[in-house]
PDB file of N, CA and C in Angstrom:
ATOM      1  N   LYS A   1     -11.465   3.081  -7.944  1.00  0.00           N
ATOM      2  CA  LYS A   1     -10.482   3.940  -8.592  1.00  0.00           C
ATOM      3  C   LYS A   1     -10.228   5.171  -7.722  1.00  0.00           C
ATOM      4  N   CYS A   2     -11.269   5.861  -7.317  1.00  0.00           N
ATOM      5  CA  CYS A   2     -11.117   7.086  -6.524  1.00  0.00           C
ATOM      6  C   CYS A   2     -10.615   6.790  -5.118  1.00  0.00           C
ATOM      7  N   LYS A   3     -11.010   5.666  -4.567  1.00  0.00           N
ATOM      8  CA  LYS A   3     -10.655   5.328  -3.188  1.00  0.00           C
ATOM      9  C   LYS A   3      -9.150   5.163  -3.012  1.00  0.00           C
ATOM     10  N   HIS A   4      -8.480   4.698  -4.042  1.00  0.00           N
ATOM     11  CA  HIS A   4      -7.043   4.430  -3.955  1.00  0.00           C
ATOM     12  C   HIS A   4      -6.189   5.668  -4.208  1.00  0.00           C
ATOM     13  N   LEU A   5      -6.807   6.732  -4.626  1.00  0.00           N
ATOM     14  CA  LEU A   5      -6.084   7.970  -4.925  1.00  0.00           C
ATOM     15  C   LEU A   5      -5.389   8.539  -3.687  1.00  0.00           C
ATOM     16  N   VAL A   6      -5.973   8.345  -2.539  1.00  0.00           N
ATOM     17  CA  VAL A   6      -5.462   8.900  -1.278  1.00  0.00           C
ATOM     18  C   VAL A   6      -4.018   8.481  -1.020  1.00  0.00           C
ATOM     19  N   GLN A   7      -3.660   7.268  -1.365  1.00  0.00           N
ATOM     20  CA  GLN A   7      -2.311   6.772  -1.070  1.00  0.00           C
ATOM     21  C   GLN A   7      -1.221   7.472  -1.877  1.00  0.00           C
ATOM     22  N   TYR A   8      -1.602   8.189  -2.920  1.00  0.00           N
ATOM     23  CA  TYR A   8      -0.625   8.890  -3.756  1.00  0.00           C
ATOM     24  C   TYR A   8      -0.534  10.381  -3.442  1.00  0.00           C
ATOM     25  N   CYS A   9      -1.267  10.828  -2.436  1.00  0.00           N
ATOM     26  CA  CYS A   9      -1.341  12.258  -2.117  1.00  0.00           C
ATOM     27  C   CYS A   9      -0.566  12.585  -0.851  1.00  0.00           C
ATOM     28  N   GLY A  10      -0.232  13.853  -0.728  1.00  0.00           N
ATOM     29  CA  GLY A  10       0.362  14.339   0.505  1.00  0.00           C
ATOM     30  C   GLY A  10      -0.672  14.323   1.621  1.00  0.00           C
ATOM     31  N   ARG A  11      -0.220  14.548   2.836  1.00  0.00           N
ATOM     32  CA  ARG A  11      -1.093  14.445   4.006  1.00  0.00           C
ATOM     33  C   ARG A  11      -2.300  15.368   3.931  1.00  0.00           C
ATOM     34  N   LYS A  12      -2.091  16.630   3.576  1.00  0.00           N
ATOM     35  CA  LYS A  12      -3.198  17.594   3.562  1.00  0.00           C
ATOM     36  C   LYS A  12      -4.235  17.252   2.499  1.00  0.00           C
ATOM     37  N   VAL A  13      -3.774  16.882   1.328  1.00  0.00           N
ATOM     38  CA  VAL A  13      -4.710  16.519   0.254  1.00  0.00           C
ATOM     39  C   VAL A  13      -5.418  15.213   0.603  1.00  0.00           C
ATOM     40  N   ALA A  14      -4.695  14.284   1.202  1.00  0.00           N
ATOM     41  CA  ALA A  14      -5.309  13.015   1.605  1.00  0.00           C
ATOM     42  C   ALA A  14      -6.435  13.249   2.610  1.00  0.00           C
ATOM     43  N   GLU A  15      -6.218  14.153   3.557  1.00  0.00           N
ATOM     44  CA  GLU A  15      -7.269  14.482   4.529  1.00  0.00           C
ATOM     45  C   GLU A  15      -8.499  15.056   3.831  1.00  0.00           C
ATOM     46  N   LEU A  16      -8.269  15.928   2.869  1.00  0.00           N
ATOM     47  CA  LEU A  16      -9.380  16.499   2.113  1.00  0.00           C
ATOM     48  C   LEU A  16     -10.134  15.397   1.379  1.00  0.00           C
ATOM     49  N   LEU A  17      -9.406  14.528   0.703  1.00  0.00           N
ATOM     50  CA  LEU A  17     -10.046  13.458  -0.066  1.00  0.00           C
ATOM     51  C   LEU A  17     -10.859  12.520   0.823  1.00  0.00           C
ATOM     52  N   LYS A  18     -10.336  12.213   1.986  1.00  0.00           N
ATOM     53  CA  LYS A  18     -11.042  11.303   2.890  1.00  0.00           C
ATOM     54  C   LYS A  18     -12.399  11.852   3.306  1.00  0.00           C
ATOM     55  N   ASN A  19     -12.540  13.174   3.266  1.00  0.00           N
ATOM     56  CA  ASN A  19     -13.787  13.799   3.708  1.00  0.00           C
ATOM     57  C   ASN A  19     -14.719  14.199   2.571  1.00  0.00           C
ATOM     58  N   LEU A  20     -14.358  13.894   1.353  1.00  0.00           N
ATOM     59  CA  LEU A  20     -15.224  14.223   0.217  1.00  0.00           C
ATOM     60  C   LEU A  20     -16.054  13.011  -0.191  1.00  0.00           C
ATOM     61  N   PRO A  21     -17.372  13.180  -0.283  1.00  0.00           N
ATOM     62  CA  PRO A  21     -18.215  12.063  -0.719  1.00  0.00           C
ATOM     63  C   PRO A  21     -17.835  11.583  -2.124  1.00  0.00           C
ATOM     64  N   GLU A  22     -17.386  12.503  -2.979  1.00  0.00           N
ATOM     65  CA  GLU A  22     -17.026  12.139  -4.350  1.00  0.00           C
ATOM     66  C   GLU A  22     -15.830  11.181  -4.394  1.00  0.00           C
ATOM     67  N   ALA A  23     -14.973  11.244  -3.374  1.00  0.00           N
ATOM     68  CA  ALA A  23     -13.808  10.364  -3.329  1.00  0.00           C
ATOM     69  C   ALA A  23     -14.193   8.945  -2.946  1.00  0.00           C
ATOM     70  N   LYS A  24     -15.360   8.791  -2.374  1.00  0.00           N
ATOM     71  CA  LYS A  24     -15.823   7.461  -1.976  1.00  0.00           C
ATOM     72  C   LYS A  24     -16.587   6.779  -3.104  1.00  0.00           C
ATOM     73  N   GLY A  25     -16.948   7.561  -4.123  1.00  0.00           N
ATOM     74  CA  GLY A  25     -17.683   7.008  -5.255  1.00  0.00           C
ATOM     75  C   GLY A  25     -16.748   6.447  -6.309  1.00  0.00           C
ATOM     76  N   ASN A  26     -17.322   6.133  -7.450  1.00  0.00           N
ATOM     77  CA  ASN A  26     -16.541   5.544  -8.534  1.00  0.00           C
ATOM     78  C   ASN A  26     -16.388   6.465  -9.737  1.00  0.00           C
ATOM     79  N   SER A  27     -16.878   7.689  -9.631  1.00  0.00           N
ATOM     80  CA  SER A  27     -16.800   8.611 -10.758  1.00  0.00           C
ATOM     81  C   SER A  27     -15.601   9.547 -10.588  1.00  0.00           C
ATOM     82  N   PHE A  28     -14.564   9.253 -11.342  1.00  0.00           N
ATOM     83  CA  PHE A  28     -13.363  10.078 -11.279  1.00  0.00           C
ATOM     84  C   PHE A  28     -13.660  11.494 -11.749  1.00  0.00           C
ATOM     85  N   LYS A  29     -14.499  11.624 -12.767  1.00  0.00           N
ATOM     86  CA  LYS A  29     -14.852  12.948 -13.287  1.00  0.00           C
ATOM     87  C   LYS A  29     -15.525  13.792 -12.208  1.00  0.00           C
ATOM     88  N   GLU A  30     -16.442  13.203 -11.445  1.00  0.00           N
ATOM     89  CA  GLU A  30     -17.103  13.945 -10.358  1.00  0.00           C
ATOM     90  C   GLU A  30     -16.085  14.399  -9.315  1.00  0.00           C
ATOM     91  N   LEU A  31     -15.135  13.535  -9.007  1.00  0.00           N
ATOM     92  CA  LEU A  31     -14.104  13.889  -8.029  1.00  0.00           C
ATOM     93  C   LEU A  31     -13.239  15.040  -8.549  1.00  0.00           C
ATOM     94  N   VAL A  32     -12.840  14.964  -9.799  1.00  0.00           N
ATOM     95  CA  VAL A  32     -12.023  16.032 -10.389  1.00  0.00           C
ATOM     96  C   VAL A  32     -12.791  17.348 -10.382  1.00  0.00           C
ATOM     97  N   ASP A  33     -14.060  17.301 -10.761  1.00  0.00           N
ATOM     98  CA  ASP A  33     -14.884  18.519 -10.752  1.00  0.00           C
ATOM     99  C   ASP A  33     -14.965  19.113  -9.349  1.00  0.00           C
ATOM    100  N   ARG A  34     -15.125  18.265  -8.357  1.00  0.00           N
ATOM    101  CA  ARG A  34     -15.218  18.732  -6.966  1.00  0.00           C
ATOM    102  C   ARG A  34     -13.888  19.335  -6.503  1.00  0.00           C
ATOM    103  N   LEU A  35     -12.787  18.708  -6.864  1.00  0.00           N
ATOM    104  CA  LEU A  35     -11.474  19.229  -6.482  1.00  0.00           C
ATOM    105  C   LEU A  35     -11.205  20.578  -7.144  1.00  0.00           C
ATOM    106  N   ARG A  36     -11.728  20.760  -8.338  1.00  0.00           N
ATOM    107  CA  ARG A  36     -11.569  22.064  -9.005  1.00  0.00           C
ATOM    108  C   ARG A  36     -12.301  23.157  -8.233  1.00  0.00           C
ATOM    109  N   ASP A  37     -13.367  22.781  -7.522  1.00  0.00           N
ATOM    110  CA  ASP A  37     -14.052  23.757  -6.667  1.00  0.00           C
ATOM    111  C   ASP A  37     -13.097  24.283  -5.594  1.00  0.00           C
ATOM    112  N   PHE A  38     -12.245  23.408  -5.091  1.00  0.00           N
ATOM    113  CA  PHE A  38     -11.312  23.791  -4.035  1.00  0.00           C
ATOM    114  C   PHE A  38     -10.070  24.496  -4.568  1.00  0.00           C
ATOM    115  N   TYR A  39      -9.580  24.031  -5.694  1.00  0.00           N
ATOM    116  CA  TYR A  39      -8.314  24.547  -6.207  1.00  0.00           C
ATOM    117  C   TYR A  39      -8.475  25.521  -7.367  1.00  0.00           C
ATOM    118  N   GLY A  40      -9.668  25.693  -7.835  1.00  0.00           N
ATOM    119  CA  GLY A  40      -9.917  26.644  -8.913  1.00  0.00           C
ATOM    120  C   GLY A  40      -9.140  26.310 -10.158  1.00  0.00           C
ATOM    121  N   GLN A  41      -8.660  27.325 -10.781  1.00  0.00           N
ATOM    122  CA  GLN A  41      -7.955  27.152 -12.049  1.00  0.00           C
ATOM    123  C   GLN A  41      -6.437  27.128 -11.881  1.00  0.00           C
ATOM    124  N   THR A  42      -5.951  26.897 -10.677  1.00  0.00           N
ATOM    125  CA  THR A  42      -4.505  26.949 -10.452  1.00  0.00           C
ATOM    126  C   THR A  42      -3.751  25.927 -11.292  1.00  0.00           C
ATOM    127  N   ASP A  43      -4.378  24.810 -11.604  1.00  0.00           N
ATOM    128  CA  ASP A  43      -3.696  23.790 -12.393  1.00  0.00           C
ATOM    129  C   ASP A  43      -3.929  23.942 -13.887  1.00  0.00           C
ATOM    130  N   ASN A  44      -4.720  24.914 -14.279  1.00  0.00           N
ATOM    131  CA  ASN A  44      -5.013  25.091 -15.697  1.00  0.00           C
ATOM    132  C   ASN A  44      -4.167  26.175 -16.351  1.00  0.00           C
ATOM    133  N   LYS A  45      -3.150  26.658 -15.650  1.00  0.00           N
ATOM    134  CA  LYS A  45      -2.271  27.660 -16.231  1.00  0.00           C
ATOM    135  C   LYS A  45      -1.475  27.027 -17.368  1.00  0.00           C
ATOM    136  N   LYS A  46      -1.072  27.860 -18.327  1.00  0.00           N
ATOM    137  CA  LYS A  46      -0.219  27.353 -19.389  1.00  0.00           C
ATOM    138  C   LYS A  46       1.083  26.895 -18.761  1.00  0.00           C
ATOM    139  N   ARG A  47       1.498  25.736 -19.142  1.00  0.00           N
ATOM    140  CA  ARG A  47       2.687  25.164 -18.537  1.00  0.00           C
ATOM    141  C   ARG A  47       3.951  25.878 -19.001  1.00  0.00           C
ATOM    142  N   TYR A  48       4.102  25.996 -20.300  1.00  0.00           N
ATOM    143  CA  TYR A  48       5.259  26.687 -20.849  1.00  0.00           C
ATOM    144  C   TYR A  48       4.787  27.623 -21.951  1.00  0.00           C
ATOM    145  N   THR A  49       5.509  28.690 -22.142  1.00  0.00           N
ATOM    146  CA  THR A  49       5.220  29.606 -23.235  1.00  0.00           C
ATOM    147  C   THR A  49       6.503  29.812 -24.028  1.00  0.00           C
ATOM    148  N   ARG A  50       6.355  30.336 -25.219  1.00  0.00           N
ATOM    149  CA  ARG A  50       7.518  30.627 -26.053  1.00  0.00           C
ATOM    150  C   ARG A  50       8.399  31.665 -25.366  1.00  0.00           C
ATOM    151  N   GLU A  51       7.749  32.606 -24.684  1.00  0.00           N
ATOM    152  CA  GLU A  51       8.497  33.650 -23.984  1.00  0.00           C
ATOM    153  C   GLU A  51       9.347  33.064 -22.859  1.00  0.00           C
ATOM    154  N   CYS A  52       8.793  32.102 -22.126  1.00  0.00           N
ATOM    155  CA  CYS A  52       9.561  31.452 -21.047  1.00  0.00           C
ATOM    156  C   CYS A  52      10.767  30.714 -21.615  1.00  0.00           C
ATOM    157  N   LEU A  53      10.561  30.044 -22.744  1.00  0.00           N
ATOM    158  CA  LEU A  53      11.666  29.327 -23.377  1.00  0.00           C
ATOM    159  C   LEU A  53      12.743  30.305 -23.837  1.00  0.00           C
ATOM    160  N   ALA A  54      12.325  31.412 -24.432  1.00  0.00           N
ATOM    161  CA  ALA A  54      13.289  32.422 -24.889  1.00  0.00           C
ATOM    162  C   ALA A  54      14.070  32.994 -23.705  1.00  0.00           C
ATOM    163  N   CYS A  55      13.389  33.278 -22.611  1.00  0.00           N
ATOM    164  CA  CYS A  55      14.077  33.793 -21.407  1.00  0.00           C
ATOM    165  C   CYS A  55      15.117  32.793 -20.917  1.00  0.00           C
ATOM    166  N   TYR A  56      14.747  31.518 -20.912  1.00  0.00           N
ATOM    167  CA  TYR A  56      15.684  30.483 -20.476  1.00  0.00           C
ATOM    168  C   TYR A  56      16.913  30.454 -21.392  1.00  0.00           C
ATOM    169  N   CYS A  57      16.687  30.554 -22.689  1.00  0.00           N
ATOM    170  CA  CYS A  57      17.794  30.468 -23.649  1.00  0.00           C
ATOM    171  C   CYS A  57      18.695  31.696 -23.620  1.00  0.00           C
ATOM    172  N   PHE A  58      18.122  32.862 -23.410  1.00  0.00           N
ATOM    173  CA  PHE A  58      18.918  34.090 -23.415  1.00  0.00           C
ATOM    174  C   PHE A  58      19.614  34.349 -22.080  1.00  0.00           C
ATOM    175  N   LYS A  59      19.205  33.623 -21.052  1.00  0.00           N
ATOM    176  CA  LYS A  59      19.869  33.739 -19.756  1.00  0.00           C
ATOM    177  C   LYS A  59      21.281  33.161 -19.889  1.00  0.00           C
ATOM    178  N   PRO A  60      22.284  33.809 -19.301  1.00  0.00           N
ATOM    179  CA  PRO A  60      23.655  33.286 -19.422  1.00  0.00           C
ATOM    180  C   PRO A  60      23.779  31.892 -18.790  1.00  0.00           C
ATOM    181  N   HIS A  61      24.389  30.983 -19.520  1.00  0.00           N
ATOM    182  CA  HIS A  61      24.606  29.619 -19.033  1.00  0.00           C
ATOM    183  C   HIS A  61      26.103  29.359 -18.955  1.00  0.00           C
ATOM    184  N   SER A  62      26.495  28.722 -17.897  1.00  0.00           N
ATOM    185  CA  SER A  62      27.895  28.337 -17.734  1.00  0.00           C
ATOM    186  C   SER A  62      28.016  26.871 -18.137  1.00  0.00           C
ATOM    187  N   ILE A  63      28.305  26.647 -19.397  1.00  0.00           N
ATOM    188  CA  ILE A  63      28.420  25.277 -19.899  1.00  0.00           C
ATOM    189  C   ILE A  63      29.902  24.980 -20.090  1.00  0.00           C
ATOM    190  N   LYS A  64      30.453  24.280 -19.104  1.00  0.00           N
ATOM    191  CA  LYS A  64      31.887  23.990 -19.116  1.00  0.00           C
ATOM    192  C   LYS A  64      32.172  22.497 -19.177  1.00  0.00           C
ATOM    193  N   SER A  65      31.116  21.711 -19.090  1.00  0.00           N
ATOM    194  CA  SER A  65      31.315  20.265 -19.123  1.00  0.00           C
ATOM    195  C   SER A  65      30.138  19.624 -19.851  1.00  0.00           C
ATOM    196  N   GLU A  66      30.299  18.360 -20.135  1.00  0.00           N
ATOM    197  CA  GLU A  66      29.217  17.622 -20.789  1.00  0.00           C
ATOM    198  C   GLU A  66      27.990  17.553 -19.875  1.00  0.00           C
ATOM    199  N   ALA A  67      28.216  17.462 -18.580  1.00  0.00           N
ATOM    200  CA  ALA A  67      27.102  17.435 -17.623  1.00  0.00           C
ATOM    201  C   ALA A  67      26.319  18.748 -17.661  1.00  0.00           C
ATOM    202  N   ASP A  68      27.031  19.881 -17.774  1.00  0.00           N
ATOM    203  CA  ASP A  68      26.358  21.184 -17.887  1.00  0.00           C
ATOM    204  C   ASP A  68      25.512  21.246 -19.153  1.00  0.00           C
ATOM    205  N   LEU A  69      26.065  20.730 -20.255  1.00  0.00           N
ATOM    206  CA  LEU A  69      25.330  20.714 -21.519  1.00  0.00           C
ATOM    207  C   LEU A  69      24.101  19.819 -21.405  1.00  0.00           C
ATOM    208  N   ASP A  70      24.263  18.673 -20.761  1.00  0.00           N
ATOM    209  CA  ASP A  70      23.124  17.767 -20.555  1.00  0.00           C
ATOM    210  C   ASP A  70      22.011  18.453 -19.773  1.00  0.00           C
ATOM    211  N   THR A  71      22.382  19.189 -18.734  1.00  0.00           N
ATOM    212  CA  THR A  71      21.394  19.902 -17.920  1.00  0.00           C
ATOM    213  C   THR A  71      20.656  20.940 -18.759  1.00  0.00           C
ATOM    214  N   TYR A  72      21.407  21.725 -19.522  1.00  0.00           N
ATOM    215  CA  TYR A  72      20.792  22.732 -20.397  1.00  0.00           C
ATOM    216  C   TYR A  72      19.847  22.056 -21.392  1.00  0.00           C
ATOM    217  N   TYR A  73      20.328  20.992 -22.015  1.00  0.00           N
ATOM    218  CA  TYR A  73      19.543  20.293 -23.032  1.00  0.00           C
ATOM    219  C   TYR A  73      18.254  19.713 -22.445  1.00  0.00           C
ATOM    220  N   ARG A  74      18.348  19.092 -21.274  1.00  0.00           N
ATOM    221  CA  ARG A  74      17.165  18.510 -20.626  1.00  0.00           C
ATOM    222  C   ARG A  74      16.106  19.562 -20.364  1.00  0.00           C
ATOM    223  N   LYS A  75      16.516  20.685 -19.796  1.00  0.00           N
ATOM    224  CA  LYS A  75      15.553  21.751 -19.488  1.00  0.00           C
ATOM    225  C   LYS A  75      14.975  22.347 -20.764  1.00  0.00           C
ATOM    226  N   PHE A  76      15.817  22.507 -21.774  1.00  0.00           N
ATOM    227  CA  PHE A  76      15.351  23.054 -23.044  1.00  0.00           C
ATOM    228  C   PHE A  76      14.316  22.122 -23.678  1.00  0.00           C
ATOM    229  N   VAL A  77      14.661  20.849 -23.776  1.00  0.00           N
ATOM    230  CA  VAL A  77      13.776  19.877 -24.431  1.00  0.00           C
ATOM    231  C   VAL A  77      12.442  19.765 -23.704  1.00  0.00           C
ATOM    232  N   THR A  78      12.462  19.809 -22.388  1.00  0.00           N
ATOM    233  CA  THR A  78      11.220  19.734 -21.617  1.00  0.00           C
ATOM    234  C   THR A  78      10.249  20.815 -22.054  1.00  0.00           C
ATOM    235  N   GLN A  79      10.739  22.024 -22.186  1.00  0.00           N
ATOM    236  CA  GLN A  79       9.872  23.136 -22.584  1.00  0.00           C
ATOM    237  C   GLN A  79       9.568  23.108 -24.081  1.00  0.00           C
ATOM    238  N   ALA A  80      10.599  22.925 -24.898  1.00  0.00           N
ATOM    239  CA  ALA A  80      10.442  23.020 -26.349  1.00  0.00           C
ATOM    240  C   ALA A  80       9.516  21.941 -26.901  1.00  0.00           C
ATOM    241  N   HIS A  81       9.641  20.722 -26.426  1.00  0.00           N
ATOM    242  CA  HIS A  81       8.784  19.649 -26.937  1.00  0.00           C
ATOM    243  C   HIS A  81       7.326  19.868 -26.546  1.00  0.00           C
ATOM    244  N   HIS A  82       7.109  20.422 -25.369  1.00  0.00           N
ATOM    245  CA  HIS A  82       5.739  20.760 -24.964  1.00  0.00           C
ATOM    246  C   HIS A  82       5.167  21.802 -25.927  1.00  0.00           C
ATOM    247  N   LEU A  83       5.942  22.835 -26.211  1.00  0.00           N
ATOM    248  CA  LEU A  83       5.487  23.898 -27.111  1.00  0.00           C
ATOM    249  C   LEU A  83       5.277  23.369 -28.523  1.00  0.00           C
ATOM    250  N   GLN A  84       6.160  22.501 -28.969  1.00  0.00           N
ATOM    251  CA  GLN A  84       6.038  21.945 -30.310  1.00  0.00           C
ATOM    252  C   GLN A  84       4.789  21.063 -30.421  1.00  0.00           C
ATOM    253  N   ALA A  85       4.528  20.268 -29.404  1.00  0.00           N
ATOM    254  CA  ALA A  85       3.346  19.399 -29.415  1.00  0.00           C
ATOM    255  C   ALA A  85       2.053  20.208 -29.455  1.00  0.00           C
ATOM    256  N   LYS A  86       2.071  21.380 -28.853  1.00  0.00           N
ATOM    257  CA  LYS A  86       0.890  22.249 -28.839  1.00  0.00           C
ATOM    258  C   LYS A  86       0.840  23.173 -30.061  1.00  0.00           C
ATOM    259  N   GLY A  87       1.833  23.067 -30.939  1.00  0.00           N
ATOM    260  CA  GLY A  87       1.881  23.923 -32.117  1.00  0.00           C
ATOM    261  C   GLY A  87       2.184  25.375 -31.784  1.00  0.00           C
ATOM    262  N   MET A  88       2.891  25.598 -30.675  1.00  0.00           N
ATOM    263  CA  MET A  88       3.164  26.955 -30.211  1.00  0.00           C
ATOM    264  C   MET A  88       4.548  27.461 -30.626  1.00  0.00           C
ATOM    265  N   ILE A  89       5.329  26.606 -31.295  1.00  0.00           N
ATOM    266  CA  ILE A  89       6.660  27.021 -31.733  1.00  0.00           C
ATOM    267  C   ILE A  89       7.019  26.242 -33.001  1.00  0.00           C
ATOM    268  N   ALA A  90       7.638  26.924 -33.936  1.00  0.00           N
ATOM    269  CA  ALA A  90       8.093  26.281 -35.165  1.00  0.00           C
ATOM    270  C   ALA A  90       9.451  25.629 -34.920  1.00  0.00           C
ATOM    271  N   GLU A  91       9.753  24.608 -35.695  1.00  0.00           N
ATOM    272  CA  GLU A  91      11.011  23.885 -35.514  1.00  0.00           C
ATOM    273  C   GLU A  91      12.221  24.807 -35.710  1.00  0.00           C
ATOM    274  N   ARG A  92      12.154  25.679 -36.689  1.00  0.00           N
ATOM    275  CA  ARG A  92      13.282  26.600 -36.938  1.00  0.00           C
ATOM    276  C   ARG A  92      13.489  27.534 -35.742  1.00  0.00           C
ATOM    277  N   ASP A  93      12.394  28.046 -35.202  1.00  0.00           N
ATOM    278  CA  ASP A  93      12.467  28.921 -34.030  1.00  0.00           C
ATOM    279  C   ASP A  93      13.055  28.164 -32.843  1.00  0.00           C
ATOM    280  N   GLU A  94      12.631  26.926 -32.681  1.00  0.00           N
ATOM    281  CA  GLU A  94      13.153  26.086 -31.602  1.00  0.00           C
ATOM    282  C   GLU A  94      14.663  25.902 -31.752  1.00  0.00           C
ATOM    283  N   ASN A  95      15.099  25.606 -32.965  1.00  0.00           N
ATOM    284  CA  ASN A  95      16.537  25.417 -33.213  1.00  0.00           C
ATOM    285  C   ASN A  95      17.323  26.691 -32.936  1.00  0.00           C
ATOM    286  N   ASP A  96      16.800  27.819 -33.399  1.00  0.00           N
ATOM    287  CA  ASP A  96      17.479  29.102 -33.159  1.00  0.00           C
ATOM    288  C   ASP A  96      17.615  29.385 -31.666  1.00  0.00           C
ATOM    289  N   LEU A  97      16.540  29.146 -30.925  1.00  0.00           N
ATOM    290  CA  LEU A  97      16.585  29.390 -29.480  1.00  0.00           C
ATOM    291  C   LEU A  97      17.589  28.471 -28.793  1.00  0.00           C
ATOM    292  N   PHE A  98      17.621  27.215 -29.214  1.00  0.00           N
ATOM    293  CA  PHE A  98      18.552  26.273 -28.600  1.00  0.00           C
ATOM    294  C   PHE A  98      19.987  26.794 -28.694  1.00  0.00           C
ATOM    295  N   TRP A  99      20.379  27.230 -29.875  1.00  0.00           N
ATOM    296  CA  TRP A  99      21.759  27.680 -30.064  1.00  0.00           C
ATOM    297  C   TRP A  99      22.036  29.001 -29.364  1.00  0.00           C
ATOM    298  N   GLN A 100      21.007  29.798 -29.114  1.00  0.00           N
ATOM    299  CA  GLN A 100      21.198  31.048 -28.364  1.00  0.00           C
ATOM    300  C   GLN A 100      21.718  30.774 -26.955  1.00  0.00           C
ATOM    301  N   GLY A 101      21.317  29.646 -26.393  1.00  0.00           N
ATOM    302  CA  GLY A 101      21.700  29.328 -25.022  1.00  0.00           C
ATOM    303  C   GLY A 101      23.086  28.742 -24.869  1.00  0.00           C
ATOM    304  N   ILE A 102      23.724  28.426 -25.983  1.00  0.00           N
ATOM    305  CA  ILE A 102      25.069  27.855 -25.925  1.00  0.00           C
ATOM    306  C   ILE A 102      26.083  28.997 -25.998  1.00  0.00           C
ATOM    307  N   PRO A 103      26.917  29.158 -24.961  1.00  0.00           N
ATOM    308  CA  PRO A 103      27.882  30.279 -24.966  1.00  0.00           C
ATOM    309  C   PRO A 103      28.964  30.100 -26.030  1.00  0.00           C
TER     310      PRO A 103
END
């Protein structure tokens, strides 16, 4: 399992993996723990926050076509569904924010 991970990584990460004993073993958890030693908590940041979603919605959007609306909707849903799944936003708040972004 760990040995095949290299083929999905960029060159620099692949070089690192090739030189880690944990990457040659079969314990994915050990490999992840070792990689956290190198990368620290950079990947553990909150992905989206309610404040980020609000900033996105209150930012002026130029929605002049269906494609523009699709782009706005895609970006909104990406953030809002993450927040909703984590219980970080209420459905009513999500709906209000969505309409704020429509000019």
